[in-house]
Amino acid sequence: MENTSGKIEIRQYLTFAIDVETYGIDVLKVKEVLEFGAITRLPKSPPHMIGVINLRGHVVPIIDLRLKFDMPQAEKTVDTSIVIVEVEYEGQMIEVGALVDSVKQVVSLDSTQLEAPPKIGMNIKADFIAAMGKYEDRFIIILNIDRVFTGGELMNLQVSPDEVKEVVTIDAEA
């Protein structure tokens, strides 16, 4: 991505796996990565909204990206992680946890390594994909995380601590 001075801009992406695919999220959207732990389920939630966690006093909804992308649910492993991201909704930044199979690494990509996503043949909605990144010998599906978590869905995910009887605390610093 070129800036106004004509120089190529380099961006960093946190990469993670879901099934056999590698995905990436701009690191500026990522708050932290947590080990998978106990999640409090909420009744009458959409299937991909698997519950909430209490992260240092804040209730954070957790979305299973496999289910969000219409993939089959998978067995949780020691590599299963929760990526806490900030998404924008009506001018506010909202924290959401994305459940992924495993977190890989942070990669740096420039505009020469990014191309438009294909119009057909993808397993997830084209709106969710910002670009296809070429890194070493593989492609990384760069997600537009603000589109993955839409505004109306985010409003349905807002839960206050009072609404949850028992929220299991996961402290990333422990």
Protein backbone atom coordinates (compact mmCIF):
# COMPACT_ATOMS: atom_id res chain seq x y z
CA MET A 1 0.00 0.00 0.00
CA GLU A 2 1.53 3.25 -1.10
CA ASN A 3 1.23 6.35 1.02
CA THR A 4 1.01 9.92 -0.29
CA SER A 5 4.79 10.22 -0.65
CA GLY A 6 4.84 7.23 -3.02
CA LYS A 7 6.62 4.93 -0.59
CA ILE A 8 5.41 1.39 -0.10
CA GLU A 9 3.69 0.91 3.23
CA ILE A 10 4.40 -2.28 5.15
CA ARG A 11 1.71 -3.69 7.44
CA GLN A 12 1.89 -6.46 9.98
CA TYR A 13 -0.70 -9.20 10.34
CA LEU A 14 -1.30 -11.75 13.09
CA THR A 15 -1.76 -15.07 11.31
CA PHE A 16 -3.80 -17.99 12.55
CA ALA A 17 -5.23 -21.25 11.26
CA ILE A 18 -8.81 -22.36 10.86
CA ASP A 19 -8.98 -25.84 9.38
CA VAL A 20 -6.25 -25.96 6.68
CA GLU A 21 -6.37 -22.25 5.77
CA THR A 22 -4.17 -19.47 7.12
CA TYR A 23 -5.88 -16.17 7.93
CA GLY A 24 -4.51 -12.80 8.96
CA ILE A 25 -5.76 -9.78 10.91
CA ASP A 26 -4.06 -6.38 10.93
CA VAL A 27 -2.12 -6.25 14.21
CA LEU A 28 -3.53 -2.78 14.88
CA LYS A 29 -6.91 -4.48 15.44
CA VAL A 30 -5.52 -7.16 17.78
CA LYS A 31 -5.53 -6.44 21.53
CA GLU A 32 -4.15 -9.76 22.79
CA VAL A 33 -4.14 -13.53 22.36
CA LEU A 34 -5.45 -15.85 25.09
CA GLU A 35 -5.28 -19.58 25.65
CA PHE A 36 -8.66 -21.25 25.27
CA GLY A 37 -10.35 -21.61 28.64
CA ALA A 38 -13.78 -21.86 30.19
CA ILE A 39 -16.45 -19.79 28.48
CA THR A 40 -19.85 -18.92 29.96
CA ARG A 41 -22.59 -19.88 27.53
CA LEU A 42 -25.51 -17.51 26.99
CA PRO A 43 -29.00 -18.78 26.21
CA LYS A 44 -30.65 -17.86 22.89
CA SER A 45 -27.38 -16.83 21.26
CA PRO A 46 -26.63 -17.49 17.59
CA PRO A 47 -24.66 -20.75 17.15
CA HIS A 48 -21.38 -18.97 16.33
CA MET A 49 -21.64 -16.81 19.49
CA ILE A 50 -20.36 -19.44 21.90
CA GLY A 51 -20.40 -17.34 25.07
CA VAL A 52 -18.55 -14.70 27.05
CA ILE A 53 -15.46 -14.38 29.20
CA ASN A 54 -14.58 -11.90 31.92
CA LEU A 55 -11.32 -10.32 30.87
CA ARG A 56 -10.05 -8.22 33.77
CA GLY A 57 -13.54 -7.00 34.66
CA HIS A 58 -14.86 -6.60 31.11
CA VAL A 59 -17.34 -9.04 29.61
CA VAL A 60 -16.07 -10.02 26.15
CA PRO A 61 -18.25 -12.01 23.71
CA ILE A 62 -16.53 -14.96 22.01
CA ILE A 63 -17.28 -15.90 18.39
CA ASP A 64 -16.24 -19.27 16.94
CA LEU A 65 -14.87 -18.27 13.52
CA ARG A 66 -15.34 -21.83 12.24
CA LEU A 67 -19.08 -21.56 12.85
CA LYS A 68 -19.21 -17.95 11.63
CA PHE A 69 -17.62 -19.12 8.36
CA ASP A 70 -20.06 -22.09 8.10
CA MET A 71 -17.34 -24.66 8.77
CA PRO A 72 -17.86 -27.73 10.96
CA GLN A 73 -17.04 -27.36 14.65
CA ALA A 74 -13.70 -28.87 15.67
CA GLU A 75 -12.36 -30.49 18.81
CA LYS A 76 -10.53 -27.99 21.03
CA THR A 77 -6.78 -28.63 21.41
CA VAL A 78 -3.88 -27.09 23.32
CA ASP A 79 -3.38 -24.83 20.28
CA THR A 80 -6.95 -23.47 20.30
CA SER A 81 -6.76 -19.74 21.05
CA ILE A 82 -8.91 -16.67 21.50
CA VAL A 83 -7.79 -13.58 19.59
CA ILE A 84 -9.17 -10.44 21.24
CA VAL A 85 -9.82 -7.82 18.55
CA GLU A 86 -11.23 -4.32 18.51
CA VAL A 87 -13.93 -3.64 15.95
CA GLU A 88 -15.55 -0.32 15.21
CA TYR A 89 -19.29 0.10 15.59
CA GLU A 90 -21.00 3.50 15.43
CA GLY A 91 -17.78 5.31 16.29
CA GLN A 92 -17.03 3.08 19.29
CA MET A 93 -14.37 0.42 19.62
CA ILE A 94 -15.80 -2.87 20.92
CA GLU A 95 -13.75 -5.87 22.05
CA VAL A 96 -14.70 -9.27 20.64
CA GLY A 97 -12.93 -12.61 21.02
CA ALA A 98 -12.38 -14.74 17.91
CA LEU A 99 -11.92 -18.47 18.59
CA VAL A 100 -9.32 -19.93 16.19
CA ASP A 101 -7.68 -23.35 15.79
CA SER A 102 -4.16 -22.01 16.38
CA VAL A 103 -2.20 -18.77 16.26
CA LYS A 104 0.82 -18.88 13.95
CA GLN A 105 2.99 -15.76 13.77
CA VAL A 106 3.10 -12.07 12.91
CA VAL A 107 4.10 -11.42 9.29
CA SER A 108 4.97 -8.19 7.48
CA LEU A 109 3.45 -7.68 4.03
CA ASP A 110 3.71 -4.79 1.58
CA SER A 111 1.44 -3.84 -1.31
CA THR A 112 3.39 -6.02 -3.76
CA GLN A 113 2.42 -9.05 -1.67
CA LEU A 114 -1.31 -8.21 -1.52
CA GLU A 115 -3.90 -8.78 -4.20
CA ALA A 116 -7.67 -8.61 -4.49
CA PRO A 117 -9.53 -11.69 -3.30
CA PRO A 118 -11.08 -13.96 -5.93
CA LYS A 119 -14.75 -13.30 -6.67
CA ILE A 120 -15.62 -17.01 -6.52
CA GLY A 121 -14.26 -20.17 -4.97
CA MET A 122 -13.84 -18.96 -1.40
CA ASN A 123 -15.30 -20.82 1.57
CA ILE A 124 -16.23 -17.60 3.37
CA LYS A 125 -18.16 -14.49 2.31
CA ALA A 126 -16.16 -12.26 -0.03
CA ASP A 127 -17.09 -9.22 2.13
CA PHE A 128 -15.07 -10.71 4.98
CA ILE A 129 -11.85 -10.75 2.92
CA ALA A 130 -9.76 -7.58 2.60
CA ALA A 131 -7.01 -9.13 0.45
CA MET A 132 -5.00 -12.23 -0.32
CA GLY A 133 -1.47 -11.98 0.98
CA LYS A 134 1.46 -13.86 -0.54
CA TYR A 135 3.95 -14.93 2.11
CA GLU A 136 6.79 -17.34 1.36
CA ASP A 137 5.12 -20.23 -0.50
CA ARG A 138 1.54 -19.79 0.70
CA PHE A 139 -1.47 -17.48 0.64
CA ILE A 140 -2.85 -15.75 3.71
CA ILE A 141 -6.51 -14.72 3.69
CA ILE A 142 -6.44 -11.19 5.13
CA LEU A 143 -9.72 -10.57 6.96
CA ASN A 144 -11.59 -7.29 7.19
CA ILE A 145 -12.48 -7.91 10.83
CA ASP A 146 -14.92 -4.97 10.95
CA ARG A 147 -17.00 -6.74 8.28
CA VAL A 148 -16.70 -10.17 9.89
CA PHE A 149 -18.40 -8.75 12.98
CA THR A 150 -21.25 -6.60 11.63
CA GLY A 151 -22.91 -3.75 13.50
CA GLY A 152 -26.26 -5.41 14.19
CA GLU A 153 -24.54 -8.55 15.37
CA LEU A 154 -22.30 -6.55 17.69
CA MET A 155 -25.26 -4.89 19.36
CA ASN A 156 -26.75 -8.32 20.05
CA LEU A 157 -23.45 -9.37 21.63
CA GLN A 158 -23.28 -6.57 24.16
CA VAL A 159 -23.71 -8.06 27.61
CA SER A 160 -23.28 -6.38 30.95
CA PRO A 161 -21.62 -8.18 33.86
CA ASP A 162 -24.97 -8.06 35.72
CA GLU A 163 -26.63 -10.13 32.97
CA VAL A 164 -24.22 -13.01 33.44
CA LYS A 165 -24.74 -15.03 36.63
CA GLU A 166 -21.30 -16.59 36.72
CA VAL A 167 -18.58 -15.48 34.36
CA VAL A 168 -15.35 -17.45 34.40
CA THR A 169 -12.36 -15.11 34.50
CA ILE A 170 -9.49 -15.70 32.10
CA ASP A 171 -6.57 -13.46 32.99
CA ALA A 172 -4.04 -13.24 30.15
CA GLU A 173 -1.30 -12.25 32.58
CA ALA A 174 -1.67 -15.40 34.71
